[in-house]
Amino acid sequence: MKKQRYTAEFKQEAIKMIIIDGVTVKEVSQQLGVPEGFLYSWRQKHLDELEAKSPEGAQSPKAMAAEITELRKQLAKQKRMTEILKKTVGYFSEDA
């Protein structure tokens, strides 16, 4: 079986989907037909390259990526809470 080769552009687009667009590694893997391990490896390599290029005193690209991930989780939690509150208000409004 031949080993699949991926172009640099393909890898960059896959990493963009993960880091910038917020698509999970599992979803990108399914959409593009690339093993998850490859995607994790490409993402780590990309962040390492950005880390090496970043100027002194600037926030680390790895730290920024971690912060974005955390903010996305918080946003998703807030959206769930808002939906629960909307349903609760609707429930109590019907009783009045």
N, C-alpha and C. Protein backbone atom coordinates (compact mmCIF):
# COMPACT_ATOMS: atom_id res chain seq x y z
N MET A 1 0.84 -1.18 0.00
CA MET A 1 0.00 0.00 0.00
C MET A 1 0.88 1.24 0.00
N LYS A 2 0.56 2.19 -0.88
CA LYS A 2 1.36 3.41 -0.97
C LYS A 2 1.05 4.35 0.18
N LYS A 3 2.08 5.01 0.64
CA LYS A 3 1.93 5.99 1.71
C LYS A 3 1.37 7.28 1.11
N GLN A 4 0.30 7.80 1.71
CA GLN A 4 -0.33 9.03 1.23
C GLN A 4 0.56 10.23 1.56
N ARG A 5 0.76 11.10 0.59
CA ARG A 5 1.52 12.33 0.79
C ARG A 5 0.56 13.51 0.69
N TYR A 6 0.76 14.47 1.56
CA TYR A 6 -0.08 15.65 1.59
C TYR A 6 0.76 16.89 1.30
N THR A 7 0.21 17.80 0.52
CA THR A 7 0.94 19.02 0.18
C THR A 7 0.96 19.96 1.39
N ALA A 8 1.90 20.90 1.35
CA ALA A 8 1.99 21.90 2.42
C ALA A 8 0.71 22.73 2.49
N GLU A 9 0.14 23.04 1.33
CA GLU A 9 -1.10 23.82 1.30
C GLU A 9 -2.25 23.06 1.95
N PHE A 10 -2.32 21.76 1.67
CA PHE A 10 -3.37 20.92 2.26
C PHE A 10 -3.23 20.91 3.78
N LYS A 11 -2.00 20.75 4.26
CA LYS A 11 -1.75 20.73 5.70
C LYS A 11 -2.13 22.06 6.33
N GLN A 12 -1.75 23.16 5.69
CA GLN A 12 -2.06 24.49 6.21
C GLN A 12 -3.57 24.70 6.31
N GLU A 13 -4.29 24.27 5.29
CA GLU A 13 -5.74 24.42 5.29
C GLU A 13 -6.37 23.59 6.41
N ALA A 14 -5.88 22.38 6.60
CA ALA A 14 -6.39 21.52 7.68
C ALA A 14 -6.13 22.16 9.04
N ILE A 15 -4.94 22.69 9.24
CA ILE A 15 -4.59 23.33 10.51
C ILE A 15 -5.41 24.60 10.72
N LYS A 16 -5.66 25.34 9.65
CA LYS A 16 -6.50 26.54 9.73
C LYS A 16 -7.89 26.17 10.21
N MET A 17 -8.42 25.08 9.69
CA MET A 17 -9.75 24.64 10.10
C MET A 17 -9.78 24.36 11.60
N ILE A 18 -8.71 23.79 12.12
CA ILE A 18 -8.65 23.42 13.53
C ILE A 18 -8.43 24.65 14.42
N ILE A 19 -7.39 25.42 14.11
CA ILE A 19 -7.01 26.52 14.98
C ILE A 19 -7.90 27.75 14.82
N ILE A 20 -8.13 28.18 13.60
CA ILE A 20 -8.86 29.41 13.35
C ILE A 20 -10.38 29.20 13.35
N ASP A 21 -10.83 28.20 12.61
CA ASP A 21 -12.27 27.97 12.46
C ASP A 21 -12.90 27.25 13.64
N GLY A 22 -12.07 26.59 14.46
CA GLY A 22 -12.59 25.92 15.64
C GLY A 22 -13.22 24.57 15.39
N VAL A 23 -12.95 23.98 14.24
CA VAL A 23 -13.48 22.65 13.94
C VAL A 23 -12.64 21.64 14.71
N THR A 24 -13.27 20.64 15.29
CA THR A 24 -12.52 19.66 16.07
C THR A 24 -11.64 18.81 15.16
N VAL A 25 -10.59 18.25 15.75
CA VAL A 25 -9.68 17.40 15.00
C VAL A 25 -10.43 16.20 14.44
N LYS A 26 -11.35 15.66 15.21
CA LYS A 26 -12.12 14.51 14.76
C LYS A 26 -12.95 14.85 13.52
N GLU A 27 -13.59 16.04 13.55
CA GLU A 27 -14.41 16.45 12.40
C GLU A 27 -13.56 16.68 11.16
N VAL A 28 -12.40 17.34 11.34
CA VAL A 28 -11.50 17.58 10.20
C VAL A 28 -11.01 16.26 9.65
N SER A 29 -10.69 15.33 10.54
CA SER A 29 -10.23 14.01 10.12
C SER A 29 -11.29 13.32 9.26
N GLN A 30 -12.52 13.40 9.69
CA GLN A 30 -13.60 12.77 8.93
C GLN A 30 -13.85 13.48 7.60
N GLN A 31 -13.81 14.81 7.62
CA GLN A 31 -14.08 15.58 6.40
C GLN A 31 -13.00 15.38 5.35
N LEU A 32 -11.74 15.37 5.79
CA LEU A 32 -10.63 15.31 4.84
C LEU A 32 -10.08 13.91 4.63
N GLY A 33 -10.48 12.96 5.46
CA GLY A 33 -9.97 11.60 5.33
C GLY A 33 -8.52 11.46 5.75
N VAL A 34 -8.13 12.24 6.76
CA VAL A 34 -6.75 12.22 7.26
C VAL A 34 -6.78 11.66 8.68
N PRO A 35 -5.86 10.77 9.03
CA PRO A 35 -5.83 10.25 10.40
C PRO A 35 -5.66 11.38 11.43
N GLU A 36 -6.35 11.25 12.55
CA GLU A 36 -6.29 12.26 13.60
C GLU A 36 -4.86 12.50 14.08
N GLY A 37 -4.08 11.44 14.17
CA GLY A 37 -2.69 11.58 14.63
C GLY A 37 -1.88 12.52 13.75
N PHE A 38 -2.12 12.46 12.44
CA PHE A 38 -1.44 13.37 11.51
C PHE A 38 -1.81 14.81 11.83
N LEU A 39 -3.11 15.04 12.04
CA LEU A 39 -3.59 16.40 12.30
C LEU A 39 -3.00 16.96 13.58
N TYR A 40 -2.96 16.14 14.63
CA TYR A 40 -2.35 16.60 15.88
C TYR A 40 -0.88 16.94 15.67
N SER A 41 -0.20 16.09 14.92
CA SER A 41 1.22 16.31 14.63
C SER A 41 1.43 17.59 13.82
N TRP A 42 0.62 17.79 12.79
CA TRP A 42 0.74 18.99 11.95
C TRP A 42 0.46 20.25 12.77
N ARG A 43 -0.57 20.18 13.62
CA ARG A 43 -0.90 21.34 14.45
C ARG A 43 0.26 21.69 15.39
N GLN A 44 0.83 20.68 16.02
CA GLN A 44 1.94 20.90 16.94
C GLN A 44 3.14 21.49 16.21
N LYS A 45 3.45 20.94 15.05
CA LYS A 45 4.57 21.44 14.25
C LYS A 45 4.33 22.90 13.84
N HIS A 46 3.11 23.20 13.43
CA HIS A 46 2.76 24.57 13.02
C HIS A 46 2.92 25.53 14.20
N LEU A 47 2.41 25.15 15.37
CA LEU A 47 2.55 26.01 16.55
C LEU A 47 4.01 26.17 16.96
N ASP A 48 4.79 25.12 16.83
CA ASP A 48 6.23 25.21 17.14
C ASP A 48 6.93 26.19 16.20
N GLU A 49 6.57 26.14 14.91
CA GLU A 49 7.16 27.05 13.94
C GLU A 49 6.78 28.50 14.24
N LEU A 50 5.51 28.71 14.59
CA LEU A 50 5.07 30.06 14.95
C LEU A 50 5.77 30.55 16.21
N GLU A 51 5.96 29.65 17.13
CA GLU A 51 6.65 29.97 18.40
C GLU A 51 8.07 30.44 18.12
N ALA A 52 8.75 29.76 17.20
CA ALA A 52 10.13 30.12 16.87
C ALA A 52 10.20 31.47 16.16
N LYS A 53 9.16 31.80 15.39
CA LYS A 53 9.15 33.05 14.63
C LYS A 53 8.64 34.24 15.43
N SER A 54 7.98 33.99 16.55
CA SER A 54 7.35 35.09 17.28
C SER A 54 8.40 35.99 17.92
N PRO A 55 8.16 37.29 17.89
CA PRO A 55 9.12 38.24 18.47
C PRO A 55 9.16 38.15 20.00
N GLU A 56 10.25 38.60 20.56
CA GLU A 56 10.40 38.61 22.02
C GLU A 56 9.33 39.47 22.65
N GLY A 57 8.80 39.03 23.75
CA GLY A 57 7.79 39.79 24.47
C GLY A 57 6.38 39.60 23.96
N ALA A 58 6.22 39.01 22.80
CA ALA A 58 4.88 38.77 22.25
C ALA A 58 4.29 37.54 22.92
N GLN A 59 2.95 37.50 22.94
CA GLN A 59 2.30 36.33 23.52
C GLN A 59 2.59 35.10 22.67
N SER A 60 2.81 34.01 23.32
CA SER A 60 3.13 32.75 22.66
C SER A 60 1.95 32.27 21.81
N PRO A 61 2.23 31.81 20.57
CA PRO A 61 1.15 31.25 19.75
C PRO A 61 0.46 30.06 20.42
N LYS A 62 1.21 29.27 21.14
CA LYS A 62 0.61 28.13 21.84
C LYS A 62 -0.35 28.63 22.92
N ALA A 63 0.06 29.68 23.62
CA ALA A 63 -0.80 30.24 24.66
C ALA A 63 -2.06 30.85 24.03
N MET A 64 -1.90 31.50 22.89
CA MET A 64 -3.06 32.08 22.21
C MET A 64 -4.02 30.99 21.75
N ALA A 65 -3.49 29.90 21.20
CA ALA A 65 -4.34 28.79 20.75
C ALA A 65 -5.08 28.18 21.93
N ALA A 66 -4.39 28.03 23.06
CA ALA A 66 -5.03 27.48 24.25
C ALA A 66 -6.12 28.42 24.75
N GLU A 67 -5.86 29.72 24.70
CA GLU A 67 -6.84 30.70 25.14
C GLU A 67 -8.07 30.68 24.23
N ILE A 68 -7.87 30.58 22.94
CA ILE A 68 -8.99 30.51 21.99
C ILE A 68 -9.84 29.28 22.28
N THR A 69 -9.19 28.16 22.53
CA THR A 69 -9.92 26.92 22.83
C THR A 69 -10.75 27.10 24.10
N GLU A 70 -10.15 27.68 25.12
CA GLU A 70 -10.85 27.89 26.38
C GLU A 70 -12.03 28.86 26.20
N LEU A 71 -11.83 29.92 25.44
CA LEU A 71 -12.91 30.88 25.19
C LEU A 71 -14.06 30.25 24.41
N ARG A 72 -13.72 29.37 23.47
CA ARG A 72 -14.78 28.67 22.72
C ARG A 72 -15.60 27.77 23.64
N LYS A 73 -14.92 27.10 24.58
CA LYS A 73 -15.63 26.26 25.54
C LYS A 73 -16.56 27.10 26.41
N GLN A 74 -16.05 28.24 26.88
CA GLN A 74 -16.86 29.12 27.72
C GLN A 74 -18.08 29.64 26.95
N LEU A 75 -17.87 30.00 25.70
CA LEU A 75 -18.96 30.49 24.87
C LEU A 75 -20.03 29.42 24.68
N ALA A 76 -19.60 28.20 24.41
CA ALA A 76 -20.55 27.10 24.23
C ALA A 76 -21.35 26.87 25.51
N LYS A 77 -20.68 26.96 26.65
CA LYS A 77 -21.36 26.78 27.94
C LYS A 77 -22.39 27.89 28.15
N GLN A 78 -22.02 29.12 27.83
CA GLN A 78 -22.95 30.24 27.98
C GLN A 78 -24.16 30.10 27.06
N LYS A 79 -23.92 29.61 25.86
CA LYS A 79 -25.03 29.39 24.93
C LYS A 79 -26.00 28.35 25.48
N ARG A 80 -25.44 27.27 26.05
CA ARG A 80 -26.30 26.24 26.65
C ARG A 80 -27.10 26.82 27.81
N MET A 81 -26.45 27.62 28.64
CA MET A 81 -27.13 28.24 29.79
C MET A 81 -28.25 29.17 29.31
N THR A 82 -27.99 29.94 28.27
CA THR A 82 -29.00 30.84 27.72
C THR A 82 -30.20 30.06 27.22
N GLU A 83 -29.96 28.95 26.53
CA GLU A 83 -31.07 28.12 26.04
C GLU A 83 -31.89 27.56 27.20
N ILE A 84 -31.22 27.13 28.25
CA ILE A 84 -31.93 26.61 29.42
C ILE A 84 -32.78 27.70 30.05
N LEU A 85 -32.20 28.90 30.17
CA LEU A 85 -32.96 30.00 30.75
C LEU A 85 -34.16 30.39 29.89
N LYS A 86 -33.98 30.39 28.58
CA LYS A 86 -35.10 30.70 27.68
C LYS A 86 -36.23 29.69 27.86
N LYS A 87 -35.88 28.41 27.95
CA LYS A 87 -36.90 27.37 28.14
C LYS A 87 -37.58 27.52 29.49
N THR A 88 -36.81 27.88 30.50
CA THR A 88 -37.37 28.06 31.84
C THR A 88 -38.35 29.23 31.86
N VAL A 89 -37.95 30.34 31.26
CA VAL A 89 -38.84 31.51 31.18
C VAL A 89 -40.11 31.15 30.43
N GLY A 90 -39.97 30.45 29.33
CA GLY A 90 -41.14 30.02 28.56
C GLY A 90 -42.06 29.12 29.37
N TYR A 91 -41.49 28.23 30.15
CA TYR A 91 -42.26 27.31 30.97
C TYR A 91 -43.06 28.09 32.02
N PHE A 92 -42.41 29.01 32.71
CA PHE A 92 -43.10 29.76 33.75
C PHE A 92 -44.07 30.79 33.17
N SER A 93 -43.83 31.26 31.96
CA SER A 93 -44.74 32.20 31.32
C SER A 93 -46.05 31.53 30.95
N GLU A 94 -45.99 30.25 30.60
CA GLU A 94 -47.19 29.49 30.25
C GLU A 94 -48.09 29.29 31.46
N ASP A 95 -47.47 29.15 32.64
CA ASP A 95 -48.25 28.92 33.87
C ASP A 95 -48.96 30.16 34.34
N ALA A 96 -48.49 31.32 33.96
CA ALA A 96 -49.07 32.57 34.49
C ALA A 96 -50.39 32.92 33.88
